[in-house]
């Protein structure tokens, strides 16, 4: 049995190709955030809202052994880019995982501001301390993409920049 990890973009279901839609249609178990599961609220599959990730992994393991099960984990953007995919590859054999990534938030952001991003330092402060960001700022790295969360917000980063009193 395979675990299908499907990335959903900012455009929601509209941005999913037919192959991915067919996999979701066959799902017997849907795992994801409230937002991602809400796209499939009329689906008949059992669903698990991601909260305690380790608990969700245990439930996914139980479904792996069921005959005719089709497990779909819904993630945002590219699941292997600072996402849920990182956790899944540490808990399941690679041969059990099939990834269907969507565009990442960083790709979308740079395309919208029309700036090449191959030389960008990407840092996540989503659920992490700001130590790596502080180091990058102190080193004067010119192009940064920072993934935030409700605690480490853009405002918190702006306050950090002011507090660091870096040379201009």
C-alpha atoms as a PDB file:
ATOM      1  CA  UNK A   1       0.000   0.000   0.000  1.00  0.00           C
ATOM      2  CA  UNK A   2       1.153   3.530  -0.819  1.00  0.00           C
ATOM      3  CA  UNK A   3       0.691   6.789   1.036  1.00  0.00           C
ATOM      4  CA  UNK A   4      -0.084   9.547  -1.468  1.00  0.00           C
ATOM      5  CA  UNK A   5       1.076  12.953  -0.265  1.00  0.00           C
ATOM      6  CA  UNK A   6      -0.612  15.662  -2.299  1.00  0.00           C
ATOM      7  CA  UNK A   7       0.362  19.310  -2.229  1.00  0.00           C
ATOM      8  CA  UNK A   8      -2.417  21.859  -2.582  1.00  0.00           C
ATOM      9  CA  UNK A   9      -1.655  25.374  -3.770  1.00  0.00           C
ATOM     10  CA  UNK A  10      -3.225  28.713  -2.976  1.00  0.00           C
ATOM     11  CA  UNK A  11      -5.779  28.053  -5.718  1.00  0.00           C
ATOM     12  CA  UNK A  12      -7.149  25.043  -3.830  1.00  0.00           C
ATOM     13  CA  UNK A  13      -8.799  22.188  -5.702  1.00  0.00           C
ATOM     14  CA  UNK A  14      -8.833  24.154  -8.965  1.00  0.00           C
ATOM     15  CA  UNK A  15      -5.052  23.815  -9.217  1.00  0.00           C
ATOM     16  CA  UNK A  16      -5.029  20.019  -8.903  1.00  0.00           C
ATOM     17  CA  UNK A  17      -4.489  17.981 -12.053  1.00  0.00           C
ATOM     18  CA  UNK A  18      -6.756  15.102 -13.052  1.00  0.00           C
ATOM     19  CA  UNK A  19      -4.365  12.380 -11.853  1.00  0.00           C
ATOM     20  CA  UNK A  20      -4.301  13.867  -8.358  1.00  0.00           C
ATOM     21  CA  UNK A  21      -8.076  14.402  -8.350  1.00  0.00           C
ATOM     22  CA  UNK A  22      -8.577  10.736  -9.246  1.00  0.00           C
ATOM     23  CA  UNK A  23      -6.294   9.614  -6.408  1.00  0.00           C
ATOM     24  CA  UNK A  24      -8.238  11.787  -3.959  1.00  0.00           C
ATOM     25  CA  UNK A  25     -11.526  10.427  -5.314  1.00  0.00           C
ATOM     26  CA  UNK A  26     -10.353   6.855  -4.529  1.00  0.00           C
ATOM     27  CA  UNK A  27      -9.165   7.769  -1.013  1.00  0.00           C
ATOM     28  CA  UNK A  28     -10.402   5.706   1.897  1.00  0.00           C
ATOM     29  CA  UNK A  29      -8.454   7.885   4.355  1.00  0.00           C
ATOM     30  CA  UNK A  30      -7.861  11.625   4.027  1.00  0.00           C
ATOM     31  CA  UNK A  31      -5.345  13.246   6.371  1.00  0.00           C
ATOM     32  CA  UNK A  32      -4.750  16.981   6.503  1.00  0.00           C
ATOM     33  CA  UNK A  33      -5.293  20.333   8.136  1.00  0.00           C
ATOM     34  CA  UNK A  34      -8.815  21.672   8.645  1.00  0.00           C
ATOM     35  CA  UNK A  35      -8.299  23.977   5.661  1.00  0.00           C
ATOM     36  CA  UNK A  36      -7.123  21.262   3.279  1.00  0.00           C
ATOM     37  CA  UNK A  37      -9.774  18.784   4.413  1.00  0.00           C
ATOM     38  CA  UNK A  38     -12.471  21.453   3.933  1.00  0.00           C
ATOM     39  CA  UNK A  39     -11.887  21.256   0.165  1.00  0.00           C
ATOM     40  CA  UNK A  40     -13.235  17.690   0.331  1.00  0.00           C
ATOM     41  CA  UNK A  41     -15.945  18.041   2.960  1.00  0.00           C
ATOM     42  CA  UNK A  42     -18.365  15.900   0.920  1.00  0.00           C
ATOM     43  CA  UNK A  43     -15.868  13.045   0.528  1.00  0.00           C
ATOM     44  CA  UNK A  44     -16.902   9.677   2.011  1.00  0.00           C
ATOM     45  CA  UNK A  45     -13.412   8.762   3.239  1.00  0.00           C
ATOM     46  CA  UNK A  46     -12.499   8.629   6.885  1.00  0.00           C
ATOM     47  CA  UNK A  47     -10.610  11.798   7.741  1.00  0.00           C
ATOM     48  CA  UNK A  48      -7.950  12.712  10.261  1.00  0.00           C
ATOM     49  CA  UNK A  49      -7.374  16.348  11.124  1.00  0.00           C
ATOM     50  CA  UNK A  50      -3.688  16.948  11.682  1.00  0.00           C
ATOM     51  CA  UNK A  51      -3.063  17.980  15.240  1.00  0.00           C
ATOM     52  CA  UNK A  52      -0.790  15.558  17.014  1.00  0.00           C
ATOM     53  CA  UNK A  53       1.418  14.450  14.119  1.00  0.00           C
ATOM     54  CA  UNK A  54       2.696  11.324  15.843  1.00  0.00           C
ATOM     55  CA  UNK A  55      -0.855  10.217  16.566  1.00  0.00           C
ATOM     56  CA  UNK A  56      -1.749  10.754  12.905  1.00  0.00           C
ATOM     57  CA  UNK A  57       1.249   8.637  11.870  1.00  0.00           C
ATOM     58  CA  UNK A  58       0.029   5.796  14.095  1.00  0.00           C
ATOM     59  CA  UNK A  59      -3.410   5.957  12.477  1.00  0.00           C
ATOM     60  CA  UNK A  60      -1.892   6.009   8.993  1.00  0.00           C
ATOM     61  CA  UNK A  61       0.128   2.884   9.915  1.00  0.00           C
ATOM     62  CA  UNK A  62      -3.089   1.087  10.877  1.00  0.00           C
ATOM     63  CA  UNK A  63      -4.646   1.926   7.518  1.00  0.00           C
ATOM     64  CA  UNK A  64      -1.587   0.710   5.608  1.00  0.00           C
ATOM     65  CA  UNK A  65      -2.471  -2.854   6.565  1.00  0.00           C
ATOM     66  CA  UNK A  66      -6.107  -2.650   5.452  1.00  0.00           C
ATOM     67  CA  UNK A  67      -6.937  -4.264   2.104  1.00  0.00           C
ATOM     68  CA  UNK A  68      -8.032  -1.870  -0.668  1.00  0.00           C
ATOM     69  CA  UNK A  69      -7.135   1.213   1.337  1.00  0.00           C
ATOM     70  CA  UNK A  70      -6.086   4.381  -0.426  1.00  0.00           C
ATOM     71  CA  UNK A  71      -4.335   6.806   1.911  1.00  0.00           C
ATOM     72  CA  UNK A  72      -4.072  10.465   0.944  1.00  0.00           C
ATOM     73  CA  UNK A  73      -2.239  13.057   3.010  1.00  0.00           C
ATOM     74  CA  UNK A  74      -3.088  16.614   1.991  1.00  0.00           C
ATOM     75  CA  UNK A  75      -0.353  19.194   2.479  1.00  0.00           C
ATOM     76  CA  UNK A  76       0.248  22.793   1.476  1.00  0.00           C
ATOM     77  CA  UNK A  77       2.443  23.525  -1.538  1.00  0.00           C
ATOM     78  CA  UNK A  78       5.431  21.225  -1.824  1.00  0.00           C
ATOM     79  CA  UNK A  79       5.263  18.742   1.080  1.00  0.00           C
ATOM     80  CA  UNK A  80       9.041  18.228   0.956  1.00  0.00           C
ATOM     81  CA  UNK A  81       9.815  21.943   1.219  1.00  0.00           C
ATOM     82  CA  UNK A  82       9.744  22.679   4.974  1.00  0.00           C
ATOM     83  CA  UNK A  83       6.563  20.617   5.085  1.00  0.00           C
ATOM     84  CA  UNK A  84       4.905  17.487   6.334  1.00  0.00           C
ATOM     85  CA  UNK A  85       6.849  15.339   3.876  1.00  0.00           C
ATOM     86  CA  UNK A  86       9.994  15.682   5.992  1.00  0.00           C
ATOM     87  CA  UNK A  87       8.262  13.974   8.899  1.00  0.00           C
ATOM     88  CA  UNK A  88       6.705  11.260   6.748  1.00  0.00           C
ATOM     89  CA  UNK A  89      10.038  10.209   5.212  1.00  0.00           C
ATOM     90  CA  UNK A  90      11.421   9.665   8.709  1.00  0.00           C
ATOM     91  CA  UNK A  91       8.504   7.407   9.732  1.00  0.00           C
ATOM     92  CA  UNK A  92       7.754   5.413   6.569  1.00  0.00           C
ATOM     93  CA  UNK A  93       9.923   3.601   4.012  1.00  0.00           C
ATOM     94  CA  UNK A  94      10.464   5.687   0.870  1.00  0.00           C
ATOM     95  CA  UNK A  95       8.901   2.941  -1.275  1.00  0.00           C
ATOM     96  CA  UNK A  96       5.600   3.475   0.605  1.00  0.00           C
ATOM     97  CA  UNK A  97       5.492   7.216  -0.171  1.00  0.00           C
ATOM     98  CA  UNK A  98       4.441   8.912  -3.397  1.00  0.00           C
ATOM     99  CA  UNK A  99       4.656  12.703  -3.559  1.00  0.00           C
ATOM    100  CA  UNK A 100       2.595  15.006  -5.764  1.00  0.00           C
ATOM    101  CA  UNK A 101       3.989  18.478  -5.003  1.00  0.00           C
ATOM    102  CA  UNK A 102       2.402  21.789  -5.861  1.00  0.00           C
ATOM    103  CA  UNK A 103       4.168  25.130  -6.107  1.00  0.00           C
ATOM    104  CA  UNK A 104       5.809  26.259  -2.890  1.00  0.00           C
ATOM    105  CA  UNK A 105       4.964  29.546  -1.204  1.00  0.00           C
ATOM    106  CA  UNK A 106       8.466  30.796  -1.970  1.00  0.00           C
ATOM    107  CA  UNK A 107       8.084  30.044  -5.693  1.00  0.00           C
ATOM    108  CA  UNK A 108       4.773  31.882  -5.748  1.00  0.00           C
ATOM    109  CA  UNK A 109       6.092  34.874  -3.816  1.00  0.00           C
ATOM    110  CA  UNK A 110       9.094  35.398  -6.087  1.00  0.00           C
ATOM    111  CA  UNK A 111       7.018  34.933  -9.233  1.00  0.00           C
ATOM    112  CA  UNK A 112       4.592  37.593  -8.023  1.00  0.00           C
ATOM    113  CA  UNK A 113       7.339  40.119  -7.327  1.00  0.00           C
ATOM    114  CA  UNK A 114       9.089  39.086 -10.571  1.00  0.00           C
ATOM    115  CA  UNK A 115      12.520  38.484  -9.063  1.00  0.00           C
ATOM    116  CA  UNK A 116      14.747  35.460  -9.769  1.00  0.00           C
ATOM    117  CA  UNK A 117      15.305  33.502  -6.593  1.00  0.00           C
ATOM    118  CA  UNK A 118      18.043  30.939  -7.256  1.00  0.00           C
ATOM    119  CA  UNK A 119      20.423  32.893  -4.997  1.00  0.00           C
ATOM    120  CA  UNK A 120      17.952  33.235  -2.124  1.00  0.00           C
ATOM    121  CA  UNK A 121      18.656  31.968   1.384  1.00  0.00           C
ATOM    122  CA  UNK A 122      15.465  30.318   2.615  1.00  0.00           C
ATOM    123  CA  UNK A 123      14.864  30.175   6.358  1.00  0.00           C
ATOM    124  CA  UNK A 124      11.903  28.841   8.269  1.00  0.00           C
ATOM    125  CA  UNK A 125      10.959  30.317  11.626  1.00  0.00           C
ATOM    126  CA  UNK A 126       7.684  28.387  11.501  1.00  0.00           C
ATOM    127  CA  UNK A 127       7.685  26.616  14.862  1.00  0.00           C
ATOM    128  CA  UNK A 128      11.416  27.239  15.175  1.00  0.00           C
ATOM    129  CA  UNK A 129      13.618  29.742  16.977  1.00  0.00           C
ATOM    130  CA  UNK A 130      14.884  32.759  15.059  1.00  0.00           C
ATOM    131  CA  UNK A 131      18.576  31.925  15.584  1.00  0.00           C
ATOM    132  CA  UNK A 132      19.250  31.025  11.933  1.00  0.00           C
ATOM    133  CA  UNK A 133      17.473  34.187  10.772  1.00  0.00           C
ATOM    134  CA  UNK A 134      19.481  36.346  13.200  1.00  0.00           C
ATOM    135  CA  UNK A 135      22.720  34.823  11.906  1.00  0.00           C
ATOM    136  CA  UNK A 136      21.728  35.432   8.258  1.00  0.00           C
ATOM    137  CA  UNK A 137      20.770  39.037   9.009  1.00  0.00           C
ATOM    138  CA  UNK A 138      24.028  39.667  10.858  1.00  0.00           C
ATOM    139  CA  UNK A 139      25.965  38.209   7.918  1.00  0.00           C
ATOM    140  CA  UNK A 140      24.243  40.684   5.623  1.00  0.00           C
ATOM    141  CA  UNK A 141      22.710  38.102   3.299  1.00  0.00           C
ATOM    142  CA  UNK A 142      20.949  40.215   0.697  1.00  0.00           C
ATOM    143  CA  UNK A 143      18.111  38.002  -0.429  1.00  0.00           C
ATOM    144  CA  UNK A 144      16.130  36.111   2.190  1.00  0.00           C
ATOM    145  CA  UNK A 145      12.823  34.267   2.099  1.00  0.00           C
ATOM    146  CA  UNK A 146      11.427  33.664   5.571  1.00  0.00           C
ATOM    147  CA  UNK A 147       8.613  31.234   6.338  1.00  0.00           C
ATOM    148  CA  UNK A 148       6.654  32.533   9.322  1.00  0.00           C
ATOM    149  CA  UNK A 149       3.999  31.312  11.744  1.00  0.00           C
ATOM    150  CA  UNK A 150       1.453  32.937  14.097  1.00  0.00           C
ATOM    151  CA  UNK A 151       4.176  33.582  16.711  1.00  0.00           C
ATOM    152  CA  UNK A 152       7.079  34.499  14.439  1.00  0.00           C
ATOM    153  CA  UNK A 153       5.120  36.943  12.312  1.00  0.00           C
ATOM    154  CA  UNK A 154       6.391  39.532   9.819  1.00  0.00           C
ATOM    155  CA  UNK A 155       5.843  42.130  12.589  1.00  0.00           C
ATOM    156  CA  UNK A 156       7.978  40.088  14.997  1.00  0.00           C
ATOM    157  CA  UNK A 157      10.692  39.894  12.335  1.00  0.00           C
ATOM    158  CA  UNK A 158      10.503  43.659  11.758  1.00  0.00           C
ATOM    159  CA  UNK A 159      10.884  44.192  15.519  1.00  0.00           C
ATOM    160  CA  UNK A 160      13.859  41.818  15.495  1.00  0.00           C
ATOM    161  CA  UNK A 161      15.478  43.792  12.666  1.00  0.00           C
ATOM    162  CA  UNK A 162      15.097  47.020  14.627  1.00  0.00           C
ATOM    163  CA  UNK A 163      16.425  45.419  17.804  1.00  0.00           C
ATOM    164  CA  UNK A 164      19.505  44.066  15.993  1.00  0.00           C
ATOM    165  CA  UNK A 165      20.410  47.632  14.987  1.00  0.00           C
ATOM    166  CA  UNK A 166      22.245  46.414  11.895  1.00  0.00           C
ATOM    167  CA  UNK A 167      24.252  48.801   9.726  1.00  0.00           C
ATOM    168  CA  UNK A 168      22.345  50.107   6.703  1.00  0.00           C
END
